[in-house]
Structures are given as C-alpha cells and as structure tokens.
C-alpha cells in the first residue's frame, strides 16, 4: 500500500466518523518496515508516546483499544490500560461502555 492509498483510507474514515457525529483528532501510522528497528512500529510504544506529546496525555489514564497482541505489548510498554477488541468484545460495544462510564480498562487480552 502506498502512502497515498493510506491517506485516502484515512480521509474516508474521518468523513464517515464526522458523518456519524464524531471526530478523529489524529491518526498515527508507522511507515517503516519490520526490519528497520524503529521506535514507532508496534510493539514499540513510539506512536503512543507521540500522541502523549501531541495531546498532553496521561498515558496511565488513557485507554488503548487494539485488535492485536502487539497493541497490548505497546500499551504495556507505555503504561496504558488496554483492551483487545474481538468478536466477543467489539469496538462498538467497547465504545458504548466508555460513553456509559462502564468500561473496565485493565491490562488484558
């Protein structure tokens, strides 16, 4: 996938979320290959630390929702609580739990 392809996907995603009444403040991605040893490709926590700097986040109180074990490894390295979405715990269900104040963000897979 090219950077232009990815940018197109991100723009469509932002528009869909905006149409539904939401907003995406930022999207982070790693442009590096697996063997480059960067700090931003998960499971390294670099993108979480970048978001922390950009938005002045307290990562210990900022839940990270992911769909891959590497997401959990990155969250743990950054000190973030995290939840892995799955067929049993979908992103929609997790979002509703957050909005209802009922989400349980502990370190778990």
C-alpha atoms as a PDB file:
ATOM      1  CA  UNK A   1       0.000   0.000   0.000  1.00  0.00           C
ATOM      2  CA  UNK A   2       1.325   3.428  -0.863  1.00  0.00           C
ATOM      3  CA  UNK A   3       1.250   6.466   1.417  1.00  0.00           C
ATOM      4  CA  UNK A   4      -1.342   7.984  -0.951  1.00  0.00           C
ATOM      5  CA  UNK A   5      -3.542   4.884  -0.640  1.00  0.00           C
ATOM      6  CA  UNK A   6      -3.313   5.068   3.149  1.00  0.00           C
ATOM      7  CA  UNK A   7      -4.089   8.797   3.139  1.00  0.00           C
ATOM      8  CA  UNK A   8      -7.215   8.061   1.095  1.00  0.00           C
ATOM      9  CA  UNK A   9      -8.342   5.440   3.598  1.00  0.00           C
ATOM     10  CA  UNK A  10      -7.757   7.848   6.468  1.00  0.00           C
ATOM     11  CA  UNK A  11      -9.755  10.598   4.745  1.00  0.00           C
ATOM     12  CA  UNK A  12     -12.693   8.266   4.119  1.00  0.00           C
ATOM     13  CA  UNK A  13     -12.549   7.114   7.734  1.00  0.00           C
ATOM     14  CA  UNK A  14     -12.538  10.696   9.026  1.00  0.00           C
ATOM     15  CA  UNK A  15     -15.516  11.592   6.809  1.00  0.00           C
ATOM     16  CA  UNK A  16     -17.501   8.547   7.944  1.00  0.00           C
ATOM     17  CA  UNK A  17     -16.851   9.344  11.588  1.00  0.00           C
ATOM     18  CA  UNK A  18     -17.747  13.001  11.038  1.00  0.00           C
ATOM     19  CA  UNK A  19     -20.986  11.991   9.315  1.00  0.00           C
ATOM     20  CA  UNK A  20     -21.832   9.895  12.380  1.00  0.00           C
ATOM     21  CA  UNK A  21     -21.221  12.922  14.620  1.00  0.00           C
ATOM     22  CA  UNK A  22     -17.695  12.118  15.780  1.00  0.00           C
ATOM     23  CA  UNK A  23     -14.230  13.449  15.180  1.00  0.00           C
ATOM     24  CA  UNK A  24     -10.834  11.857  14.741  1.00  0.00           C
ATOM     25  CA  UNK A  25      -8.205  14.234  16.087  1.00  0.00           C
ATOM     26  CA  UNK A  26      -5.196  12.318  14.741  1.00  0.00           C
ATOM     27  CA  UNK A  27      -4.221   9.103  13.036  1.00  0.00           C
ATOM     28  CA  UNK A  28      -0.770   7.627  13.580  1.00  0.00           C
ATOM     29  CA  UNK A  29       0.939   5.012  11.462  1.00  0.00           C
ATOM     30  CA  UNK A  30       4.409   3.591  11.119  1.00  0.00           C
ATOM     31  CA  UNK A  31       5.900   3.935   7.629  1.00  0.00           C
ATOM     32  CA  UNK A  32       8.887   1.715   8.427  1.00  0.00           C
ATOM     33  CA  UNK A  33       9.498  -1.916   7.545  1.00  0.00           C
ATOM     34  CA  UNK A  34       9.627  -4.672  10.159  1.00  0.00           C
ATOM     35  CA  UNK A  35      13.416  -4.921   9.997  1.00  0.00           C
ATOM     36  CA  UNK A  36      14.171  -1.189  10.330  1.00  0.00           C
ATOM     37  CA  UNK A  37      14.191  -1.213  14.135  1.00  0.00           C
ATOM     38  CA  UNK A  38      12.211   1.998  14.575  1.00  0.00           C
ATOM     39  CA  UNK A  39      10.509   3.031  17.790  1.00  0.00           C
ATOM     40  CA  UNK A  40       7.087   3.557  16.212  1.00  0.00           C
ATOM     41  CA  UNK A  41       6.242   0.099  14.863  1.00  0.00           C
ATOM     42  CA  UNK A  42       4.267  -1.813  17.433  1.00  0.00           C
ATOM     43  CA  UNK A  43       5.005  -3.484  19.754  1.00  0.00           C
ATOM     44  CA  UNK A  44       7.289  -0.481  20.399  1.00  0.00           C
ATOM     45  CA  UNK A  45       5.332   2.319  22.098  1.00  0.00           C
ATOM     46  CA  UNK A  46       6.579   5.193  19.926  1.00  0.00           C
ATOM     47  CA  UNK A  47       3.221   6.148  18.425  1.00  0.00           C
ATOM     48  CA  UNK A  48       1.635   6.199  21.878  1.00  0.00           C
ATOM     49  CA  UNK A  49       4.406   8.468  23.138  1.00  0.00           C
ATOM     50  CA  UNK A  50       3.885  10.735  20.096  1.00  0.00           C
ATOM     51  CA  UNK A  51       0.167  11.005  20.905  1.00  0.00           C
ATOM     52  CA  UNK A  52       1.115  11.724  24.522  1.00  0.00           C
ATOM     53  CA  UNK A  53       3.264  14.657  23.399  1.00  0.00           C
ATOM     54  CA  UNK A  54       0.732  15.917  20.839  1.00  0.00           C
ATOM     55  CA  UNK A  55      -2.241  15.868  23.212  1.00  0.00           C
ATOM     56  CA  UNK A  56      -0.573  16.143  26.655  1.00  0.00           C
ATOM     57  CA  UNK A  57      -1.978  12.762  27.700  1.00  0.00           C
ATOM     58  CA  UNK A  58      -1.517  10.938  30.956  1.00  0.00           C
ATOM     59  CA  UNK A  59      -0.997   7.520  29.406  1.00  0.00           C
ATOM     60  CA  UNK A  60      -1.710   5.785  32.703  1.00  0.00           C
ATOM     61  CA  UNK A  61      -5.269   7.126  32.374  1.00  0.00           C
ATOM     62  CA  UNK A  62      -5.628   6.868  28.598  1.00  0.00           C
ATOM     63  CA  UNK A  63      -7.108   3.563  27.489  1.00  0.00           C
ATOM     64  CA  UNK A  64      -5.759   1.979  24.327  1.00  0.00           C
ATOM     65  CA  UNK A  65      -8.094  -0.268  22.377  1.00  0.00           C
ATOM     66  CA  UNK A  66      -6.496  -2.631  19.885  1.00  0.00           C
ATOM     67  CA  UNK A  67      -7.079  -5.777  17.907  1.00  0.00           C
ATOM     68  CA  UNK A  68      -3.656  -7.404  18.015  1.00  0.00           C
ATOM     69  CA  UNK A  69      -1.364  -8.705  20.746  1.00  0.00           C
ATOM     70  CA  UNK A  70       1.266  -6.166  19.604  1.00  0.00           C
ATOM     71  CA  UNK A  71      -1.180  -3.421  20.563  1.00  0.00           C
ATOM     72  CA  UNK A  72      -1.215  -4.808  24.085  1.00  0.00           C
ATOM     73  CA  UNK A  73       2.565  -5.018  24.186  1.00  0.00           C
ATOM     74  CA  UNK A  74       2.867  -1.389  23.063  1.00  0.00           C
ATOM     75  CA  UNK A  75       0.253  -0.291  25.612  1.00  0.00           C
ATOM     76  CA  UNK A  76       2.012  -2.141  28.403  1.00  0.00           C
ATOM     77  CA  UNK A  77       5.372  -0.597  27.422  1.00  0.00           C
ATOM     78  CA  UNK A  78       3.757   2.861  27.505  1.00  0.00           C
ATOM     79  CA  UNK A  79       1.900   2.247  30.767  1.00  0.00           C
ATOM     80  CA  UNK A  80      -1.555   2.382  29.140  1.00  0.00           C
ATOM     81  CA  UNK A  81      -4.526   0.326  30.181  1.00  0.00           C
ATOM     82  CA  UNK A  82      -5.722  -1.608  27.158  1.00  0.00           C
ATOM     83  CA  UNK A  83      -8.443  -3.874  25.907  1.00  0.00           C
ATOM     84  CA  UNK A  84      -8.317  -6.164  22.910  1.00  0.00           C
ATOM     85  CA  UNK A  85     -11.428  -5.996  20.771  1.00  0.00           C
ATOM     86  CA  UNK A  86     -12.731  -9.298  19.494  1.00  0.00           C
ATOM     87  CA  UNK A  87     -15.905 -10.925  18.312  1.00  0.00           C
ATOM     88  CA  UNK A  88     -16.901 -11.254  21.969  1.00  0.00           C
ATOM     89  CA  UNK A  89     -15.956  -7.627  22.824  1.00  0.00           C
ATOM     90  CA  UNK A  90     -16.436  -5.494  19.706  1.00  0.00           C
ATOM     91  CA  UNK A  91     -15.262  -1.940  19.195  1.00  0.00           C
ATOM     92  CA  UNK A  92     -18.877  -0.771  19.143  1.00  0.00           C
ATOM     93  CA  UNK A  93     -19.597  -2.466  22.468  1.00  0.00           C
ATOM     94  CA  UNK A  94     -16.405  -1.042  23.962  1.00  0.00           C
ATOM     95  CA  UNK A  95     -17.298   2.456  22.732  1.00  0.00           C
ATOM     96  CA  UNK A  96     -20.743   2.188  24.289  1.00  0.00           C
ATOM     97  CA  UNK A  97     -19.168   1.074  27.574  1.00  0.00           C
ATOM     98  CA  UNK A  98     -16.837   4.087  27.517  1.00  0.00           C
ATOM     99  CA  UNK A  99     -19.681   6.503  26.827  1.00  0.00           C
ATOM    100  CA  UNK A 100     -21.779   4.926  29.576  1.00  0.00           C
ATOM    101  CA  UNK A 101     -18.869   5.114  32.033  1.00  0.00           C
ATOM    102  CA  UNK A 102     -18.886   1.336  32.456  1.00  0.00           C
ATOM    103  CA  UNK A 103     -15.662   0.405  30.664  1.00  0.00           C
ATOM    104  CA  UNK A 104     -13.174  -1.690  32.598  1.00  0.00           C
ATOM    105  CA  UNK A 105      -9.703  -0.916  31.283  1.00  0.00           C
ATOM    106  CA  UNK A 106      -7.301  -3.271  32.912  1.00  0.00           C
ATOM    107  CA  UNK A 107      -4.322  -4.865  31.247  1.00  0.00           C
ATOM    108  CA  UNK A 108      -5.854  -7.828  29.498  1.00  0.00           C
ATOM    109  CA  UNK A 109      -6.127  -9.627  26.211  1.00  0.00           C
END
